[in-house]
Amino acid sequence: MNRCIATNTEGLSADLLPPERSDGPVRILFLHSQTLGFATHSRSLEVYSEAHPEIDAVHVRLRPTMALRAMGRRMPGAARAGLDFHRARHSQLWAREMRRWFRTSLPLSRFDLVHVMTQHQAIALSHIPFPTRPAMVVQIDATTEQECREFGLGRFCRRAAIRAERRVFEASSLVTCWSQWAADSVVEDYGVPAGRVMVSRPAPLIAPGSARLDRPSRATARIGFVGNAWARKGGDRLLRWHQNRWKDRAELHIFGDVPDLPSGARNVVRYGPIPHAELLDLHLPLLDLLVIPTVQDTLLLSGVQAASRGVPVVTSRLAGVAETVRHGQTGFLCRPDRDDEFVQAIETLLDDPARRIEMGRAAVEYVQEDWNADRWHRPLMDTLVDVGKRHRSLARPVGHGTSTSHRAASTRAG
């Protein structure tokens, strides 16, 4: 069950927390980032923890305060010089805020386990000695080491973040990862034993239906783009390709907070930000293909959502994004810097409506099989219960029993 769901501990009081001591359901504190896809995923976990009979949960949605946003803001000049240290500053600011919570409205003694999303919000917990804190499970979408390697980011200004990540992973009973790509880095780059690493995809809560596989025959096909980071996700490239090659045979439908488009752009429909349910059930089912030529993403949940509505996806063979499309079956994966590959993939689908329908059917089946929410979220909840119970049975008061390092190791998952 969920005792309460709060934003930054607002409205939390002692009577809303689990009991100080309990032999009943495992007491779990969920601390979840609310940026980008993390917010959507946290809602899914709230639903599944509510339904689990062995969980007694408190959810805290982490939203940066105005002060935290101001102090953690990126500094463009320093960023260009590789001296911004944005992520390290942001993590330390969150750590300071959480330490205050743990002393006042959110005492850790009321919990058997803390589930944190992401590792950058777990710094405060990693510094607390094991006997005085619950077991910790951290959920991530990527590591800083692999972001530097995959996206060509400077490692110098991220060394502090990497050191902090390493400490968090060492202190965690379990690291759950959105993709196999991320899980491999936790093991290979950070030396975490494979038995303490688990893939748990952020499968969205998608109700069946609205998969328009029998799309009407139209003279102009509909190409979709979803995303707020216009340049990073390749929206400017897609617009250029469309205007140069397909403006007379296809419409380009753009969803998200994107900059003003060039005047005179033909057959382009710009929607701006719209409610998620409206996008999922009204607009996506009317598209013929979704194209997101991203150059820097760790996963592509919008692609999974489009696939659930029978829409083939063309995107980049990049990071965990490559795990959201079955190349040649549910869409196409292209090298991020190869415009020619994207153009060829898009034209293949524009020229062959039957292929689009075939891929759309395969996409729906793919989501039902590989991105089914029950398949991923139920096992995660069961695993959290197991880790929490193990911690409850082995944890002992400070200064009593075995050493701290032995007790910490004994609560590991697996």
Protein backbone atom coordinates (compact mmCIF):
# COMPACT_ATOMS: atom_id res chain seq x y z
CA MET A 1 0.00 0.00 0.00
CA ASN A 2 0.98 3.65 -0.35
CA ARG A 3 0.72 5.61 2.89
CA CYS A 4 1.27 8.92 1.17
CA ILE A 5 2.72 10.63 -1.90
CA ALA A 6 4.43 13.96 -1.26
CA THR A 7 6.51 16.47 -3.15
CA ASN A 8 9.77 17.30 -1.35
CA THR A 9 8.28 16.16 2.01
CA GLU A 10 5.61 18.89 1.83
CA GLY A 11 2.82 17.98 4.24
CA LEU A 12 4.67 14.97 5.66
CA SER A 13 4.19 14.32 9.37
CA ALA A 14 5.02 11.49 11.76
CA ASP A 15 1.52 10.02 11.57
CA LEU A 16 1.89 9.56 7.79
CA LEU A 17 5.06 7.46 8.13
CA PRO A 18 5.33 3.72 8.82
CA PRO A 19 5.72 2.61 12.45
CA GLU A 20 9.11 2.85 14.17
CA ARG A 21 9.30 -0.93 14.40
CA SER A 22 7.36 -3.39 12.29
CA ASP A 23 7.29 -7.09 11.45
CA GLY A 24 4.57 -6.54 8.87
CA PRO A 25 4.90 -5.27 5.28
CA VAL A 26 8.33 -4.01 4.25
CA ARG A 27 8.61 -0.27 4.88
CA ILE A 28 9.91 1.36 1.69
CA LEU A 29 10.76 5.00 1.03
CA PHE A 30 10.70 5.93 -2.68
CA LEU A 31 12.75 9.03 -3.55
CA HIS A 32 12.22 9.75 -7.24
CA SER A 33 13.42 12.44 -9.61
CA GLN A 34 10.64 14.20 -11.53
CA THR A 35 12.58 15.26 -14.62
CA LEU A 36 11.95 13.92 -18.13
CA GLY A 37 10.93 10.25 -18.24
CA PHE A 38 11.69 9.74 -14.55
CA ALA A 39 8.41 11.41 -13.58
CA THR A 40 6.41 9.07 -15.83
CA HIS A 41 8.23 6.05 -14.46
CA SER A 42 7.73 7.10 -10.84
CA ARG A 43 3.96 7.13 -11.45
CA SER A 44 4.18 3.53 -12.65
CA LEU A 45 6.05 2.47 -9.52
CA GLU A 46 3.49 4.24 -7.35
CA VAL A 47 0.75 2.14 -8.98
CA TYR A 48 2.61 -1.14 -8.48
CA SER A 49 3.68 -0.45 -4.89
CA GLU A 50 0.08 0.38 -4.01
CA ALA A 51 -1.03 -3.03 -5.32
CA HIS A 52 1.67 -5.06 -3.54
CA PRO A 53 0.40 -6.60 -0.27
CA GLU A 54 3.87 -6.76 1.33
CA ILE A 55 4.83 -3.11 0.78
CA ASP A 56 4.18 -0.20 3.13
CA ALA A 57 5.34 2.77 1.03
CA VAL A 58 5.98 6.48 1.24
CA HIS A 59 6.70 8.24 -2.06
CA VAL A 60 8.58 11.53 -2.22
CA ARG A 61 8.64 13.19 -5.63
CA LEU A 62 11.87 15.15 -5.93
CA ARG A 63 11.34 18.55 -7.53
CA PRO A 64 14.19 21.08 -7.42
CA THR A 65 13.37 24.10 -5.30
CA MET A 66 13.89 27.55 -6.76
CA ALA A 67 17.10 27.88 -4.75
CA LEU A 68 18.40 24.51 -5.92
CA ARG A 69 17.64 25.36 -9.56
CA ALA A 70 19.45 28.67 -9.23
CA MET A 71 22.54 27.25 -7.50
CA GLY A 72 22.70 24.16 -9.70
CA ARG A 73 22.13 25.95 -13.00
CA ARG A 74 24.52 25.21 -15.81
CA MET A 75 27.00 28.00 -16.55
CA PRO A 76 27.31 28.18 -20.38
CA GLY A 77 30.79 29.69 -20.48
CA ALA A 78 32.19 27.24 -17.94
CA ALA A 79 30.39 24.36 -19.64
CA ARG A 80 32.03 25.15 -22.97
CA ALA A 81 35.40 25.19 -21.24
CA GLY A 82 34.68 21.87 -19.51
CA LEU A 83 34.69 23.45 -16.04
CA ASP A 84 31.01 23.57 -15.12
CA PHE A 85 30.79 20.58 -12.69
CA HIS A 86 26.99 20.89 -13.04
CA ARG A 87 26.14 17.30 -12.14
CA ALA A 88 28.41 17.22 -9.07
CA ARG A 89 27.01 20.53 -7.83
CA HIS A 90 23.45 19.37 -8.41
CA SER A 91 24.04 16.12 -6.52
CA GLN A 92 25.62 17.87 -3.55
CA LEU A 93 22.76 20.35 -3.35
CA TRP A 94 20.27 17.48 -3.27
CA ALA A 95 22.37 15.74 -0.62
CA ARG A 96 22.26 18.80 1.61
CA GLU A 97 18.48 19.04 1.24
CA MET A 98 17.95 15.35 1.98
CA ARG A 99 20.18 15.39 5.06
CA ARG A 100 17.85 18.05 6.46
CA TRP A 101 14.83 15.86 5.71
CA PHE A 102 16.39 12.84 7.40
CA ARG A 103 16.93 14.89 10.58
CA THR A 104 13.37 16.24 10.63
CA SER A 105 10.34 15.09 8.63
CA LEU A 106 11.72 11.88 7.11
CA PRO A 107 13.67 9.86 9.72
CA LEU A 108 15.27 6.82 8.11
CA SER A 109 14.56 4.69 11.17
CA ARG A 110 11.00 4.38 9.88
CA PHE A 111 12.07 2.40 6.80
CA ASP A 112 13.62 -0.95 5.90
CA LEU A 113 14.64 0.12 2.39
CA VAL A 114 15.06 3.27 0.32
CA HIS A 115 14.54 3.15 -3.46
CA VAL A 116 16.24 6.13 -5.12
CA MET A 117 15.95 7.33 -8.70
CA THR A 118 18.60 8.25 -9.76
CA GLN A 119 22.13 7.77 -8.43
CA HIS A 120 22.64 11.54 -8.45
CA GLN A 121 19.95 11.88 -5.77
CA ALA A 122 21.48 9.14 -3.59
CA ILE A 123 24.65 10.90 -2.42
CA ALA A 124 23.31 11.72 1.04
CA LEU A 125 22.38 8.07 1.71
CA SER A 126 25.73 6.73 0.55
CA HIS A 127 27.51 8.74 3.27
CA ILE A 128 25.41 7.34 6.12
CA PRO A 129 26.99 4.30 7.83
CA PHE A 130 25.09 1.11 7.11
CA PRO A 131 23.78 0.28 10.61
CA THR A 132 22.04 3.65 10.85
CA ARG A 133 20.30 3.61 7.50
CA PRO A 134 18.01 1.23 5.58
CA ALA A 135 19.11 -0.91 2.69
CA MET A 136 19.41 1.14 -0.51
CA VAL A 137 18.36 0.28 -4.07
CA VAL A 138 19.32 2.75 -6.79
CA GLN A 139 17.66 2.92 -10.20
CA ILE A 140 19.54 4.47 -13.12
CA ASP A 141 19.19 5.14 -16.83
CA ALA A 142 22.93 5.51 -17.50
CA THR A 143 26.29 6.03 -15.82
CA THR A 144 28.46 9.10 -16.23
CA GLU A 145 31.34 6.95 -17.49
CA GLN A 146 29.33 5.62 -20.41
CA GLU A 147 27.78 9.01 -21.18
CA CYS A 148 31.29 10.40 -21.59
CA ARG A 149 32.23 7.48 -23.83
CA GLU A 150 29.01 7.29 -25.86
CA PHE A 151 28.34 10.99 -26.32
CA GLY A 152 31.91 12.33 -26.40
CA LEU A 153 31.50 14.39 -23.22
CA GLY A 154 34.53 15.72 -21.40
CA ARG A 155 35.49 13.50 -18.50
CA PHE A 156 37.55 16.06 -16.56
CA CYS A 157 34.60 18.11 -15.27
CA ARG A 158 32.69 14.92 -14.49
CA ARG A 159 35.31 13.17 -12.37
CA ALA A 160 33.62 14.23 -9.13
CA ALA A 161 30.30 12.85 -10.38
CA ILE A 162 31.97 9.56 -11.32
CA ARG A 163 33.57 9.24 -7.87
CA ALA A 164 30.22 9.94 -6.23
CA GLU A 165 28.53 7.35 -8.45
CA ARG A 166 31.10 4.76 -7.49
CA ARG A 167 30.42 5.39 -3.80
CA VAL A 168 26.66 5.13 -4.34
CA PHE A 169 26.96 1.84 -6.22
CA GLU A 170 29.26 0.40 -3.54
CA ALA A 171 26.75 1.35 -0.84
CA SER A 172 23.75 -0.08 -2.70
CA SER A 173 22.25 -3.45 -2.05
CA LEU A 174 21.06 -3.46 -5.67
CA VAL A 175 21.45 -1.28 -8.77
CA THR A 176 18.51 -1.54 -11.17
CA CYS A 177 19.04 -0.31 -14.72
CA TRP A 178 16.67 0.82 -17.45
CA SER A 179 18.66 -1.00 -20.14
CA GLN A 180 21.21 -3.74 -20.61
CA TRP A 181 23.50 -1.00 -21.93
CA ALA A 182 23.44 0.74 -18.53
CA ALA A 183 23.74 -2.54 -16.60
CA ASP A 184 26.88 -3.49 -18.51
CA SER A 185 28.55 -0.23 -17.50
CA VAL A 186 27.74 -0.67 -13.80
CA VAL A 187 29.50 -4.05 -13.90
CA GLU A 188 32.37 -3.27 -16.28
CA ASP A 189 33.16 0.38 -15.45
CA TYR A 190 32.39 0.39 -11.73
CA GLY A 191 33.17 -3.19 -10.74
CA VAL A 192 29.80 -3.93 -9.16
CA PRO A 193 29.21 -7.73 -9.01
CA ALA A 194 26.67 -8.85 -11.61
CA GLY A 195 24.55 -10.38 -8.83
CA ARG A 196 23.86 -6.88 -7.50
CA VAL A 197 22.79 -5.48 -10.88
CA MET A 198 19.34 -5.97 -12.40
CA VAL A 199 17.72 -4.77 -15.62
CA SER A 200 14.31 -3.25 -14.89
CA ARG A 201 12.88 -1.43 -17.88
CA PRO A 202 10.72 1.69 -17.32
CA ALA A 203 7.77 0.09 -19.09
CA PRO A 204 5.05 2.75 -19.34
CA LEU A 205 1.51 2.10 -18.19
CA ILE A 206 -0.14 1.79 -21.59
CA ALA A 207 -3.74 0.66 -21.80
CA PRO A 208 -4.45 -1.56 -24.82
CA GLY A 209 -6.28 -0.05 -27.76
CA SER A 210 -5.96 2.81 -30.22
CA ALA A 211 -3.52 0.89 -32.41
CA ARG A 212 -4.80 1.99 -35.81
CA LEU A 213 -3.28 -0.75 -37.94
CA ASP A 214 -5.90 -0.19 -40.63
CA ARG A 215 -4.87 3.39 -41.28
CA PRO A 216 -6.74 5.03 -44.14
CA SER A 217 -4.94 5.43 -47.45
CA ARG A 218 -3.87 9.07 -47.78
CA ALA A 219 -2.10 10.97 -50.51
CA THR A 220 0.21 12.46 -47.85
CA ALA A 221 1.74 10.31 -45.12
CA ARG A 222 2.18 11.63 -41.60
CA ILE A 223 5.66 11.73 -40.06
CA GLY A 224 5.80 12.46 -36.33
CA PHE A 225 8.44 13.97 -34.05
CA VAL A 226 8.12 14.03 -30.23
CA GLY A 227 10.50 15.84 -27.89
CA ASN A 228 11.35 19.09 -26.16
CA ALA A 229 15.11 19.08 -26.82
CA TRP A 230 14.72 20.11 -30.47
CA ALA A 231 18.34 20.10 -31.61
CA ARG A 232 19.57 17.27 -29.37
CA LYS A 233 16.81 14.97 -30.58
CA GLY A 234 17.46 15.92 -34.20
CA GLY A 235 14.30 17.89 -34.89
CA ASP A 236 16.19 20.49 -36.92
CA ARG A 237 17.66 17.75 -39.12
CA LEU A 238 14.29 16.10 -39.66
CA LEU A 239 12.72 19.42 -40.62
CA ARG A 240 15.51 20.05 -43.12
CA TRP A 241 15.10 16.60 -44.70
CA HIS A 242 11.35 17.05 -44.88
CA GLN A 243 11.49 20.43 -46.54
CA ASN A 244 14.15 19.33 -49.03
CA ARG A 245 12.65 15.97 -49.98
CA TRP A 246 9.12 15.19 -48.77
CA LYS A 247 7.20 18.42 -48.19
CA ASP A 248 4.85 17.63 -51.09
CA ARG A 249 4.20 14.01 -50.18
CA ALA A 250 4.22 13.91 -46.36
CA GLU A 251 3.12 16.04 -43.43
CA LEU A 252 5.48 16.59 -40.51
CA HIS A 253 3.70 16.68 -37.14
CA ILE A 254 5.82 18.12 -34.30
CA PHE A 255 4.90 17.58 -30.63
CA GLY A 256 6.78 19.29 -27.81
CA ASP A 257 8.19 22.59 -26.64
CA VAL A 258 10.25 23.45 -29.73
CA PRO A 259 11.51 26.79 -31.08
CA ASP A 260 9.68 28.79 -33.70
CA LEU A 261 9.94 27.16 -37.11
CA PRO A 262 11.19 28.97 -40.22
CA SER A 263 8.49 30.97 -41.96
CA GLY A 264 7.23 29.34 -45.10
CA ALA A 265 7.74 25.75 -43.94
CA ARG A 266 5.26 23.65 -45.91
CA ASN A 267 3.09 20.80 -44.65
CA VAL A 268 4.37 21.18 -41.07
CA VAL A 269 1.97 21.05 -38.11
CA ARG A 270 3.33 22.26 -34.76
CA TYR A 271 1.34 21.31 -31.64
CA GLY A 272 3.54 22.38 -28.75
CA PRO A 273 3.31 20.58 -25.40
CA ILE A 274 0.10 18.57 -25.05
CA PRO A 275 -1.25 16.25 -22.33
CA HIS A 276 0.33 12.81 -22.37
CA ALA A 277 -2.98 10.95 -22.70
CA GLU A 278 -3.96 13.11 -25.67
CA LEU A 279 -0.67 12.40 -27.41
CA LEU A 280 -0.90 8.68 -26.73
CA ASP A 281 -4.50 8.00 -27.70
CA LEU A 282 -5.42 10.80 -30.11
CA HIS A 283 -2.35 11.84 -32.08
CA LEU A 284 0.10 8.91 -32.14
CA PRO A 285 -2.44 6.46 -33.63
CA LEU A 286 -2.85 8.76 -36.65
CA LEU A 287 0.85 8.84 -37.53
CA ASP A 288 2.39 6.64 -40.21
CA LEU A 289 5.88 6.72 -38.72
CA LEU A 290 7.78 8.39 -35.88
CA VAL A 291 11.26 9.78 -36.57
CA ILE A 292 13.63 10.91 -33.80
CA PRO A 293 17.24 11.21 -35.07
CA THR A 294 18.62 11.86 -31.59
CA VAL A 295 22.33 12.38 -30.97
CA GLN A 296 22.24 12.15 -27.16
CA ASP A 297 19.63 10.04 -25.39
CA THR A 298 19.93 7.10 -23.03
CA LEU A 299 16.49 5.63 -23.86
CA LEU A 300 13.46 6.53 -26.00
CA LEU A 301 10.17 6.06 -24.17
CA SER A 302 8.31 8.09 -26.80
CA GLY A 303 9.37 5.44 -29.30
CA VAL A 304 7.95 2.68 -27.10
CA GLN A 305 4.69 4.59 -26.75
CA ALA A 306 4.43 5.13 -30.52
CA ALA A 307 5.15 1.45 -31.14
CA SER A 308 2.31 0.53 -28.76
CA ARG A 309 -0.02 2.41 -31.11
CA GLY A 310 1.19 0.57 -34.20
CA VAL A 311 3.63 3.21 -35.44
CA PRO A 312 7.02 2.17 -36.88
CA VAL A 313 9.93 4.10 -35.35
CA VAL A 314 13.07 5.41 -37.05
CA THR A 315 15.72 6.49 -34.56
CA SER A 316 19.40 6.29 -33.68
CA ARG A 317 21.45 3.20 -32.95
CA LEU A 318 22.65 4.80 -29.74
CA ALA A 319 23.00 3.85 -26.05
CA GLY A 320 19.85 2.23 -24.63
CA VAL A 321 17.81 3.76 -27.46
CA ALA A 322 18.83 0.76 -29.57
CA GLU A 323 16.92 -1.48 -27.13
CA THR A 324 13.58 0.18 -27.97
CA VAL A 325 13.42 -0.84 -31.66
CA ARG A 326 13.86 -4.18 -33.41
CA HIS A 327 15.76 -3.12 -36.48
CA GLY A 328 13.98 -4.11 -39.68
CA GLN A 329 10.95 -5.44 -37.78
CA THR A 330 9.40 -2.60 -35.75
CA GLY A 331 11.35 0.23 -37.36
CA PHE A 332 14.89 1.17 -38.28
CA LEU A 333 18.02 2.06 -36.31
CA CYS A 334 20.48 4.40 -38.00
CA ARG A 335 23.91 5.69 -37.05
CA PRO A 336 23.35 9.08 -35.39
CA ASP A 337 25.65 11.01 -37.73
CA ARG A 338 24.51 9.39 -40.98
CA ASP A 339 21.82 11.52 -42.60
CA ASP A 340 21.81 9.19 -45.61
CA GLU A 341 20.79 6.22 -43.47
CA PHE A 342 17.88 8.13 -41.95
CA VAL A 343 16.73 9.41 -45.33
CA GLN A 344 16.84 5.92 -46.82
CA ALA A 345 14.92 4.40 -43.87
CA ILE A 346 12.24 7.10 -44.00
CA GLU A 347 11.83 6.81 -47.76
CA THR A 348 11.56 3.02 -47.48
CA LEU A 349 8.50 3.48 -45.26
CA LEU A 350 7.05 6.36 -47.26
CA ASP A 351 7.26 4.31 -50.48
CA ASP A 352 5.72 1.15 -49.01
CA PRO A 353 2.45 1.55 -47.05
CA ALA A 354 2.15 -2.23 -46.70
CA ARG A 355 5.57 -2.34 -45.01
CA ARG A 356 4.43 0.35 -42.59
CA ILE A 357 1.39 -1.70 -41.63
CA GLU A 358 3.48 -4.85 -41.23
CA MET A 359 5.98 -3.05 -39.01
CA GLY A 360 3.15 -1.46 -37.03
CA ARG A 361 1.68 -4.86 -36.19
CA ALA A 362 5.11 -6.13 -35.15
CA ALA A 363 5.62 -3.01 -33.03
CA VAL A 364 2.41 -3.61 -31.05
CA GLU A 365 3.42 -7.22 -30.40
CA TYR A 366 6.92 -6.12 -29.41
CA VAL A 367 5.63 -3.70 -26.77
CA GLN A 368 3.16 -6.26 -25.42
CA GLU A 369 5.95 -8.82 -25.04
CA ASP A 370 9.12 -6.88 -24.19
CA TRP A 371 7.75 -3.66 -22.62
CA ASN A 372 4.85 -5.10 -20.67
CA ALA A 373 4.52 -3.23 -17.37
CA ASP A 374 3.59 -6.36 -15.40
CA ARG A 375 6.67 -8.17 -16.70
CA TRP A 376 9.04 -5.53 -15.30
CA HIS A 377 7.36 -3.80 -12.37
CA ARG A 378 5.98 -6.80 -10.47
CA PRO A 379 9.39 -8.54 -10.26
CA LEU A 380 10.97 -5.26 -9.17
CA MET A 381 8.50 -4.90 -6.31
CA ASP A 382 9.07 -8.52 -5.29
CA THR A 383 12.82 -7.94 -5.31
CA LEU A 384 12.50 -4.80 -3.16
CA VAL A 385 10.48 -6.80 -0.63
CA ASP A 386 13.15 -9.52 -0.55
CA VAL A 387 15.97 -7.01 -0.04
CA GLY A 388 13.99 -5.18 2.66
CA LYS A 389 13.22 -8.38 4.52
CA ARG A 390 16.86 -9.45 4.38
CA HIS A 391 17.94 -6.09 5.77
CA ARG A 392 15.34 -6.28 8.53
CA SER A 393 16.52 -9.73 9.62
CA LEU A 394 20.25 -8.95 9.55
CA ALA A 395 20.56 -5.32 10.65
CA ARG A 396 21.65 -4.85 14.26
CA PRO A 397 22.10 -1.81 16.47
CA VAL A 398 25.34 0.14 16.17
CA GLY A 399 28.12 -1.44 18.20
CA HIS A 400 26.43 -4.82 18.51
CA GLY A 401 27.13 -7.97 16.55
CA THR A 402 29.28 -8.25 13.46
CA SER A 403 31.22 -5.53 11.72
CA THR A 404 29.59 -2.84 9.59
CA SER A 405 31.21 -4.08 6.38
CA HIS A 406 29.95 -7.62 7.00
CA ARG A 407 26.41 -6.46 7.70
CA ALA A 408 26.37 -4.26 4.60
CA ALA A 409 27.50 -7.11 2.40
CA SER A 410 24.95 -9.49 3.87
CA THR A 411 21.98 -7.41 2.66
CA ARG A 412 23.00 -7.57 -0.98
CA ALA A 413 20.46 -8.88 -3.45
CA GLY A 414 21.17 -12.13 -5.21
